[in-house]
Amino acid sequence: MSPVSFGPGELDALQELASVGCGRAITALGELVRRRLSMDVPEAWVGAEEGAIAAFLGGLGQDLVTVGVKLEGALEGDLLLALPERDAAALAAALGFPAGGAWGGMAESALLESGNIAGSAFVSAVAALVGERLLLSVPAFARGSGRECVEGLVTHAGSIALATRFTCAPREGAPAFEGLVLVMPEPARIAELVRRLLSRQAARAPLRGDLR
């Protein structure tokens, strides 16, 4: 299969998908923990080399806790909620389920639900943006290095990624935490979705001569 190519307009639309989808995912996560989350400007990149996404995840640290969900329907791929293990423990504690030095039971379930909430918010936001139905699988849990988490949760290497980092400031009795929402769509499907987004935008644009 030939690689998918994007022009400047399509790259802008891909960036918009990242901003809308990842932004809503992080907002939903903040609502879940009832704390304000700050986020970096979402990124979208095309043409990632093999292993680049795992290396990007590895920038969070050596020991990660990651929840993955499969994107299905008009958009296929994977969405990961990834945090350094210490930060994941802080997130679980913020939800009322401290990890207690070991994962499993309610603490792991709390992280799985966090990934499910973030994934659901992402697909809802993108579906509204492009006018297509998107679906989500049940979440899965993984621990280890960036490479181990990607290999354990992602079914295709992919060459396109949407990502943003988020942080939660500390408050009395609750530590800070940070993490990453990373989306790895199937290239051909995301290219088609981007084209549909551009078509919708063109249809809504006023025709020349209609401006008053």
C-alpha atoms as a PDB file:
ATOM      1  CA  MET A   1       0.000   0.000   0.000  1.00  0.00           C
ATOM      2  CA  SER A   2       1.372   3.417  -0.960  1.00  0.00           C
ATOM      3  CA  PRO A   3       1.918   5.881   1.902  1.00  0.00           C
ATOM      4  CA  VAL A   4      -0.789   8.447   2.623  1.00  0.00           C
ATOM      5  CA  SER A   5       0.191  12.012   1.768  1.00  0.00           C
ATOM      6  CA  PHE A   6      -1.229  15.252   3.188  1.00  0.00           C
ATOM      7  CA  GLY A   7      -1.164  18.733   1.691  1.00  0.00           C
ATOM      8  CA  PRO A   8      -1.024  21.936   3.787  1.00  0.00           C
ATOM      9  CA  GLY A   9      -4.821  22.195   4.062  1.00  0.00           C
ATOM     10  CA  GLU A  10      -5.114  18.566   5.108  1.00  0.00           C
ATOM     11  CA  LEU A  11      -2.386  19.003   7.723  1.00  0.00           C
ATOM     12  CA  ASP A  12      -4.293  21.977   9.142  1.00  0.00           C
ATOM     13  CA  ALA A  13      -7.449  19.853   9.303  1.00  0.00           C
ATOM     14  CA  LEU A  14      -5.520  17.049  11.007  1.00  0.00           C
ATOM     15  CA  GLN A  15      -4.270  19.573  13.576  1.00  0.00           C
ATOM     16  CA  GLU A  16      -7.865  20.687  14.130  1.00  0.00           C
ATOM     17  CA  LEU A  17      -8.906  17.078  14.748  1.00  0.00           C
ATOM     18  CA  ALA A  18      -6.102  16.782  17.298  1.00  0.00           C
ATOM     19  CA  SER A  19      -7.071  20.008  19.035  1.00  0.00           C
ATOM     20  CA  VAL A  20     -10.775  19.207  19.220  1.00  0.00           C
ATOM     21  CA  GLY A  21     -10.491  15.501  20.051  1.00  0.00           C
ATOM     22  CA  CYS A  22      -7.557  15.532  22.466  1.00  0.00           C
ATOM     23  CA  GLY A  23      -8.778  18.749  24.068  1.00  0.00           C
ATOM     24  CA  ARG A  24     -12.172  17.273  24.830  1.00  0.00           C
ATOM     25  CA  ALA A  25     -10.581  14.054  26.114  1.00  0.00           C
ATOM     26  CA  ILE A  26      -8.481  15.987  28.628  1.00  0.00           C
ATOM     27  CA  THR A  27     -11.424  18.178  29.648  1.00  0.00           C
ATOM     28  CA  ALA A  28     -13.450  15.033  30.359  1.00  0.00           C
ATOM     29  CA  LEU A  29     -10.598  13.583  32.398  1.00  0.00           C
ATOM     30  CA  GLY A  30     -10.471  16.772  34.470  1.00  0.00           C
ATOM     31  CA  GLU A  31     -14.209  16.575  35.055  1.00  0.00           C
ATOM     32  CA  LEU A  32     -13.805  12.977  36.203  1.00  0.00           C
ATOM     33  CA  VAL A  33     -11.204  13.829  38.865  1.00  0.00           C
ATOM     34  CA  ARG A  34     -12.837  17.204  39.665  1.00  0.00           C
ATOM     35  CA  ARG A  35      -9.573  19.027  39.181  1.00  0.00           C
ATOM     36  CA  ARG A  36      -8.345  21.474  36.581  1.00  0.00           C
ATOM     37  CA  LEU A  37      -6.035  19.972  33.976  1.00  0.00           C
ATOM     38  CA  SER A  38      -3.740  22.092  31.835  1.00  0.00           C
ATOM     39  CA  MET A  39      -2.692  20.858  28.423  1.00  0.00           C
ATOM     40  CA  ASP A  40      -0.031  21.634  25.874  1.00  0.00           C
ATOM     41  CA  VAL A  41      -1.011  22.608  22.351  1.00  0.00           C
ATOM     42  CA  PRO A  42      -2.032  19.321  20.685  1.00  0.00           C
ATOM     43  CA  GLU A  43       0.333  18.028  18.022  1.00  0.00           C
ATOM     44  CA  ALA A  44      -0.322  16.155  14.818  1.00  0.00           C
ATOM     45  CA  TRP A  45       2.432  14.611  12.770  1.00  0.00           C
ATOM     46  CA  VAL A  46       2.644  12.483   9.652  1.00  0.00           C
ATOM     47  CA  GLY A  47       5.423  10.174   8.530  1.00  0.00           C
ATOM     48  CA  ALA A  48       6.621   8.954  11.910  1.00  0.00           C
ATOM     49  CA  GLU A  49       9.387   6.382  11.453  1.00  0.00           C
ATOM     50  CA  GLU A  50       9.075   2.896  12.901  1.00  0.00           C
ATOM     51  CA  GLY A  51       9.629   3.050  16.655  1.00  0.00           C
ATOM     52  CA  ALA A  52       9.201   6.843  16.822  1.00  0.00           C
ATOM     53  CA  ILE A  53       5.876   6.670  18.667  1.00  0.00           C
ATOM     54  CA  ALA A  54       7.265   4.239  21.250  1.00  0.00           C
ATOM     55  CA  ALA A  55      10.251   6.552  21.706  1.00  0.00           C
ATOM     56  CA  PHE A  56       7.909   9.521  22.137  1.00  0.00           C
ATOM     57  CA  LEU A  57       6.055   7.647  24.875  1.00  0.00           C
ATOM     58  CA  GLY A  58       9.391   6.748  26.423  1.00  0.00           C
ATOM     59  CA  GLY A  59       9.988  10.458  26.989  1.00  0.00           C
ATOM     60  CA  LEU A  60       7.560  10.190  29.900  1.00  0.00           C
ATOM     61  CA  GLY A  61       9.952   7.837  31.717  1.00  0.00           C
ATOM     62  CA  GLN A  62      10.948   4.200  31.941  1.00  0.00           C
ATOM     63  CA  ASP A  63       7.958   2.869  33.876  1.00  0.00           C
ATOM     64  CA  LEU A  64       4.590   3.717  32.354  1.00  0.00           C
ATOM     65  CA  VAL A  65       1.004   2.786  33.053  1.00  0.00           C
ATOM     66  CA  THR A  66      -1.095   2.908  29.892  1.00  0.00           C
ATOM     67  CA  VAL A  67      -4.749   2.356  29.047  1.00  0.00           C
ATOM     68  CA  GLY A  68      -5.621   1.718  25.411  1.00  0.00           C
ATOM     69  CA  VAL A  69      -8.918   1.701  23.539  1.00  0.00           C
ATOM     70  CA  LYS A  70      -9.571   0.713  19.943  1.00  0.00           C
ATOM     71  CA  LEU A  71     -11.209   3.267  17.645  1.00  0.00           C
ATOM     72  CA  GLU A  72     -13.683   1.670  15.270  1.00  0.00           C
ATOM     73  CA  GLY A  73     -16.143   2.686  12.585  1.00  0.00           C
ATOM     74  CA  ALA A  74     -15.287   5.715  10.425  1.00  0.00           C
ATOM     75  CA  LEU A  75     -11.996   6.107  12.301  1.00  0.00           C
ATOM     76  CA  GLU A  76      -9.878   3.040  13.036  1.00  0.00           C
ATOM     77  CA  GLY A  77      -6.823   3.023  15.248  1.00  0.00           C
ATOM     78  CA  ASP A  78      -5.812   3.267  18.885  1.00  0.00           C
ATOM     79  CA  LEU A  79      -6.037   5.846  21.648  1.00  0.00           C
ATOM     80  CA  LEU A  80      -3.693   5.613  24.621  1.00  0.00           C
ATOM     81  CA  LEU A  81      -3.858   7.363  27.963  1.00  0.00           C
ATOM     82  CA  ALA A  82      -0.282   7.090  29.242  1.00  0.00           C
ATOM     83  CA  LEU A  83       1.234   8.244  32.536  1.00  0.00           C
ATOM     84  CA  PRO A  84       4.474   7.586  34.418  1.00  0.00           C
ATOM     85  CA  GLU A  85       3.692   4.991  37.069  1.00  0.00           C
ATOM     86  CA  ARG A  86       3.927   7.468  39.945  1.00  0.00           C
ATOM     87  CA  ASP A  87       1.551   9.853  38.161  1.00  0.00           C
ATOM     88  CA  ALA A  88      -0.860   7.024  37.358  1.00  0.00           C
ATOM     89  CA  ALA A  89      -0.945   6.190  41.060  1.00  0.00           C
ATOM     90  CA  ALA A  90      -1.754   9.846  41.807  1.00  0.00           C
ATOM     91  CA  LEU A  91      -4.597   9.758  39.268  1.00  0.00           C
ATOM     92  CA  ALA A  92      -6.014   6.574  40.800  1.00  0.00           C
ATOM     93  CA  ALA A  93      -5.794   8.162  44.260  1.00  0.00           C
ATOM     94  CA  ALA A  94      -7.596  11.275  42.967  1.00  0.00           C
ATOM     95  CA  LEU A  95     -10.413   8.945  41.939  1.00  0.00           C
ATOM     96  CA  GLY A  96     -10.507   7.461  45.432  1.00  0.00           C
ATOM     97  CA  PHE A  97      -8.613   4.234  44.730  1.00  0.00           C
ATOM     98  CA  PRO A  98      -4.940   4.429  45.800  1.00  0.00           C
ATOM     99  CA  ALA A  99      -2.745   1.855  44.097  1.00  0.00           C
ATOM    100  CA  GLY A 100      -0.976   1.002  47.352  1.00  0.00           C
ATOM    101  CA  GLY A 101       2.286  -0.005  45.675  1.00  0.00           C
ATOM    102  CA  ALA A 102       0.722  -2.613  43.371  1.00  0.00           C
ATOM    103  CA  TRP A 103      -1.690  -2.464  40.449  1.00  0.00           C
ATOM    104  CA  GLY A 104      -4.831  -4.511  40.296  1.00  0.00           C
ATOM    105  CA  GLY A 105      -8.312  -4.414  41.750  1.00  0.00           C
ATOM    106  CA  MET A 106     -10.039  -1.049  42.077  1.00  0.00           C
ATOM    107  CA  ALA A 107      -6.963   1.085  41.322  1.00  0.00           C
ATOM    108  CA  GLU A 108      -6.513  -0.594  37.933  1.00  0.00           C
ATOM    109  CA  SER A 109     -10.258  -0.386  37.289  1.00  0.00           C
ATOM    110  CA  ALA A 110     -10.125   3.350  38.016  1.00  0.00           C
ATOM    111  CA  LEU A 111      -7.398   3.800  35.392  1.00  0.00           C
ATOM    112  CA  LEU A 112      -9.350   1.709  32.880  1.00  0.00           C
ATOM    113  CA  GLU A 113     -12.396   3.900  33.433  1.00  0.00           C
ATOM    114  CA  SER A 114     -10.247   7.015  32.978  1.00  0.00           C
ATOM    115  CA  GLY A 115      -9.082   5.731  29.599  1.00  0.00           C
ATOM    116  CA  ASN A 116     -12.641   4.861  28.647  1.00  0.00           C
ATOM    117  CA  ILE A 117     -13.888   8.350  29.576  1.00  0.00           C
ATOM    118  CA  ALA A 118     -11.061  10.041  27.664  1.00  0.00           C
ATOM    119  CA  GLY A 119     -11.608   7.827  24.618  1.00  0.00           C
ATOM    120  CA  SER A 120     -15.371   8.365  24.629  1.00  0.00           C
ATOM    121  CA  ALA A 121     -14.897  12.132  24.790  1.00  0.00           C
ATOM    122  CA  PHE A 122     -12.415  12.008  21.903  1.00  0.00           C
ATOM    123  CA  VAL A 123     -14.676  10.039  19.563  1.00  0.00           C
ATOM    124  CA  SER A 124     -17.744  12.129  20.477  1.00  0.00           C
ATOM    125  CA  ALA A 125     -15.918  15.372  19.707  1.00  0.00           C
ATOM    126  CA  VAL A 126     -14.460  14.136  16.427  1.00  0.00           C
ATOM    127  CA  ALA A 127     -17.760  12.534  15.357  1.00  0.00           C
ATOM    128  CA  ALA A 128     -19.536  15.870  15.844  1.00  0.00           C
ATOM    129  CA  LEU A 129     -16.810  17.660  13.920  1.00  0.00           C
ATOM    130  CA  VAL A 130     -16.835  15.413  10.845  1.00  0.00           C
ATOM    131  CA  GLY A 131     -20.432  14.187  10.920  1.00  0.00           C
ATOM    132  CA  GLU A 132     -19.483  10.519  11.083  1.00  0.00           C
ATOM    133  CA  ARG A 133     -20.216   7.760  13.568  1.00  0.00           C
ATOM    134  CA  LEU A 134     -17.202   6.621  15.584  1.00  0.00           C
ATOM    135  CA  LEU A 135     -17.082   3.670  17.974  1.00  0.00           C
ATOM    136  CA  LEU A 136     -14.907   2.610  20.884  1.00  0.00           C
ATOM    137  CA  SER A 137     -13.807  -0.771  22.258  1.00  0.00           C
ATOM    138  CA  VAL A 138     -13.484  -1.743  25.897  1.00  0.00           C
ATOM    139  CA  PRO A 139     -10.223  -0.451  27.460  1.00  0.00           C
ATOM    140  CA  ALA A 140      -7.099  -2.551  28.058  1.00  0.00           C
ATOM    141  CA  PHE A 141      -4.290  -2.032  30.584  1.00  0.00           C
ATOM    142  CA  ALA A 142      -0.517  -2.242  30.131  1.00  0.00           C
ATOM    143  CA  ARG A 143       2.603  -1.415  32.148  1.00  0.00           C
ATOM    144  CA  GLY A 144       6.245  -1.126  31.149  1.00  0.00           C
ATOM    145  CA  SER A 145       8.391   0.885  28.761  1.00  0.00           C
ATOM    146  CA  GLY A 146       6.964   2.929  25.923  1.00  0.00           C
ATOM    147  CA  ARG A 147       7.803   0.157  23.479  1.00  0.00           C
ATOM    148  CA  GLU A 148       6.232  -2.532  25.677  1.00  0.00           C
ATOM    149  CA  CYS A 149       3.030  -0.501  26.050  1.00  0.00           C
ATOM    150  CA  VAL A 150       2.757   0.169  22.308  1.00  0.00           C
ATOM    151  CA  GLU A 151       3.444  -3.471  21.439  1.00  0.00           C
ATOM    152  CA  GLY A 152       0.929  -4.644  24.031  1.00  0.00           C
ATOM    153  CA  LEU A 153      -1.920  -2.329  23.085  1.00  0.00           C
ATOM    154  CA  VAL A 154      -1.506  -1.149  19.488  1.00  0.00           C
ATOM    155  CA  THR A 155      -2.333  -3.441  16.584  1.00  0.00           C
ATOM    156  CA  HIS A 156      -0.577  -1.450  13.864  1.00  0.00           C
ATOM    157  CA  ALA A 157       2.629   0.563  13.841  1.00  0.00           C
ATOM    158  CA  GLY A 158       1.084   3.505  12.021  1.00  0.00           C
ATOM    159  CA  SER A 159       2.818   6.582  10.688  1.00  0.00           C
ATOM    160  CA  ILE A 160       0.379   9.264  11.908  1.00  0.00           C
ATOM    161  CA  ALA A 161      -0.151  10.407  15.482  1.00  0.00           C
ATOM    162  CA  LEU A 162      -2.166  12.999  17.398  1.00  0.00           C
ATOM    163  CA  ALA A 163      -0.945  13.803  20.882  1.00  0.00           C
ATOM    164  CA  THR A 164      -1.026  16.244  23.750  1.00  0.00           C
ATOM    165  CA  ARG A 165       0.475  16.344  27.215  1.00  0.00           C
ATOM    166  CA  PHE A 166      -1.586  17.308  30.232  1.00  0.00           C
ATOM    167  CA  THR A 167      -0.713  18.293  33.801  1.00  0.00           C
ATOM    168  CA  CYS A 168      -2.650  18.601  37.034  1.00  0.00           C
ATOM    169  CA  ALA A 169      -1.245  20.952  39.675  1.00  0.00           C
ATOM    170  CA  PRO A 170      -0.968  19.744  43.283  1.00  0.00           C
ATOM    171  CA  ARG A 171      -3.402  20.810  45.933  1.00  0.00           C
ATOM    172  CA  GLU A 172      -3.645  20.139  49.663  1.00  0.00           C
ATOM    173  CA  GLY A 173      -3.681  16.395  50.212  1.00  0.00           C
ATOM    174  CA  ALA A 174      -3.446  15.606  46.498  1.00  0.00           C
ATOM    175  CA  PRO A 175      -0.198  15.382  44.502  1.00  0.00           C
ATOM    176  CA  ALA A 176       0.357  16.660  40.986  1.00  0.00           C
ATOM    177  CA  PHE A 177       0.280  14.307  38.021  1.00  0.00           C
ATOM    178  CA  GLU A 178       0.901  14.490  34.295  1.00  0.00           C
ATOM    179  CA  GLY A 179       0.445  12.273  31.290  1.00  0.00           C
ATOM    180  CA  LEU A 180      -0.305  12.049  27.614  1.00  0.00           C
ATOM    181  CA  VAL A 181      -3.236  11.373  25.322  1.00  0.00           C
ATOM    182  CA  LEU A 182      -1.886   9.726  22.171  1.00  0.00           C
ATOM    183  CA  VAL A 183      -4.000   8.734  19.177  1.00  0.00           C
ATOM    184  CA  MET A 184      -2.611   6.515  16.410  1.00  0.00           C
ATOM    185  CA  PRO A 185      -5.183   6.339  13.605  1.00  0.00           C
ATOM    186  CA  GLU A 186      -5.053   3.982  10.651  1.00  0.00           C
ATOM    187  CA  PRO A 187      -3.576   6.227   7.918  1.00  0.00           C
ATOM    188  CA  ALA A 188      -6.070   5.582   5.102  1.00  0.00           C
ATOM    189  CA  ARG A 189      -9.092   6.045   7.385  1.00  0.00           C
ATOM    190  CA  ILE A 190      -7.838   9.300   8.917  1.00  0.00           C
ATOM    191  CA  ALA A 191      -7.016  10.622   5.437  1.00  0.00           C
ATOM    192  CA  GLU A 192     -10.600   9.975   4.329  1.00  0.00           C
ATOM    193  CA  LEU A 193     -11.948  11.584   7.514  1.00  0.00           C
ATOM    194  CA  VAL A 194      -9.791  14.665   6.919  1.00  0.00           C
ATOM    195  CA  ARG A 195     -11.129  14.960   3.368  1.00  0.00           C
ATOM    196  CA  ARG A 196     -14.681  14.813   4.677  1.00  0.00           C
ATOM    197  CA  LEU A 197     -13.896  17.495   7.243  1.00  0.00           C
ATOM    198  CA  LEU A 198     -12.531  19.752   4.516  1.00  0.00           C
ATOM    199  CA  SER A 199     -15.655  19.116   2.411  1.00  0.00           C
ATOM    200  CA  ARG A 200     -17.910  20.079   5.323  1.00  0.00           C
ATOM    201  CA  GLN A 201     -15.893  23.226   5.911  1.00  0.00           C
ATOM    202  CA  ALA A 202     -16.107  24.159   2.228  1.00  0.00           C
ATOM    203  CA  ALA A 203     -19.867  23.601   2.201  1.00  0.00           C
ATOM    204  CA  ARG A 204     -20.301  25.956   5.171  1.00  0.00           C
ATOM    205  CA  ALA A 205     -18.059  28.701   3.718  1.00  0.00           C
ATOM    206  CA  PRO A 206     -19.940  31.717   2.270  1.00  0.00           C
ATOM    207  CA  LEU A 207     -19.815  32.097  -1.499  1.00  0.00           C
ATOM    208  CA  ARG A 208     -18.112  35.153  -2.933  1.00  0.00           C
ATOM    209  CA  GLY A 209     -20.728  37.778  -3.683  1.00  0.00           C
ATOM    210  CA  ASP A 210     -22.895  36.654  -0.775  1.00  0.00           C
ATOM    211  CA  LEU A 211     -20.984  38.821   1.703  1.00  0.00           C
ATOM    212  CA  ARG A 212     -22.793  41.965   2.725  1.00  0.00           C
END
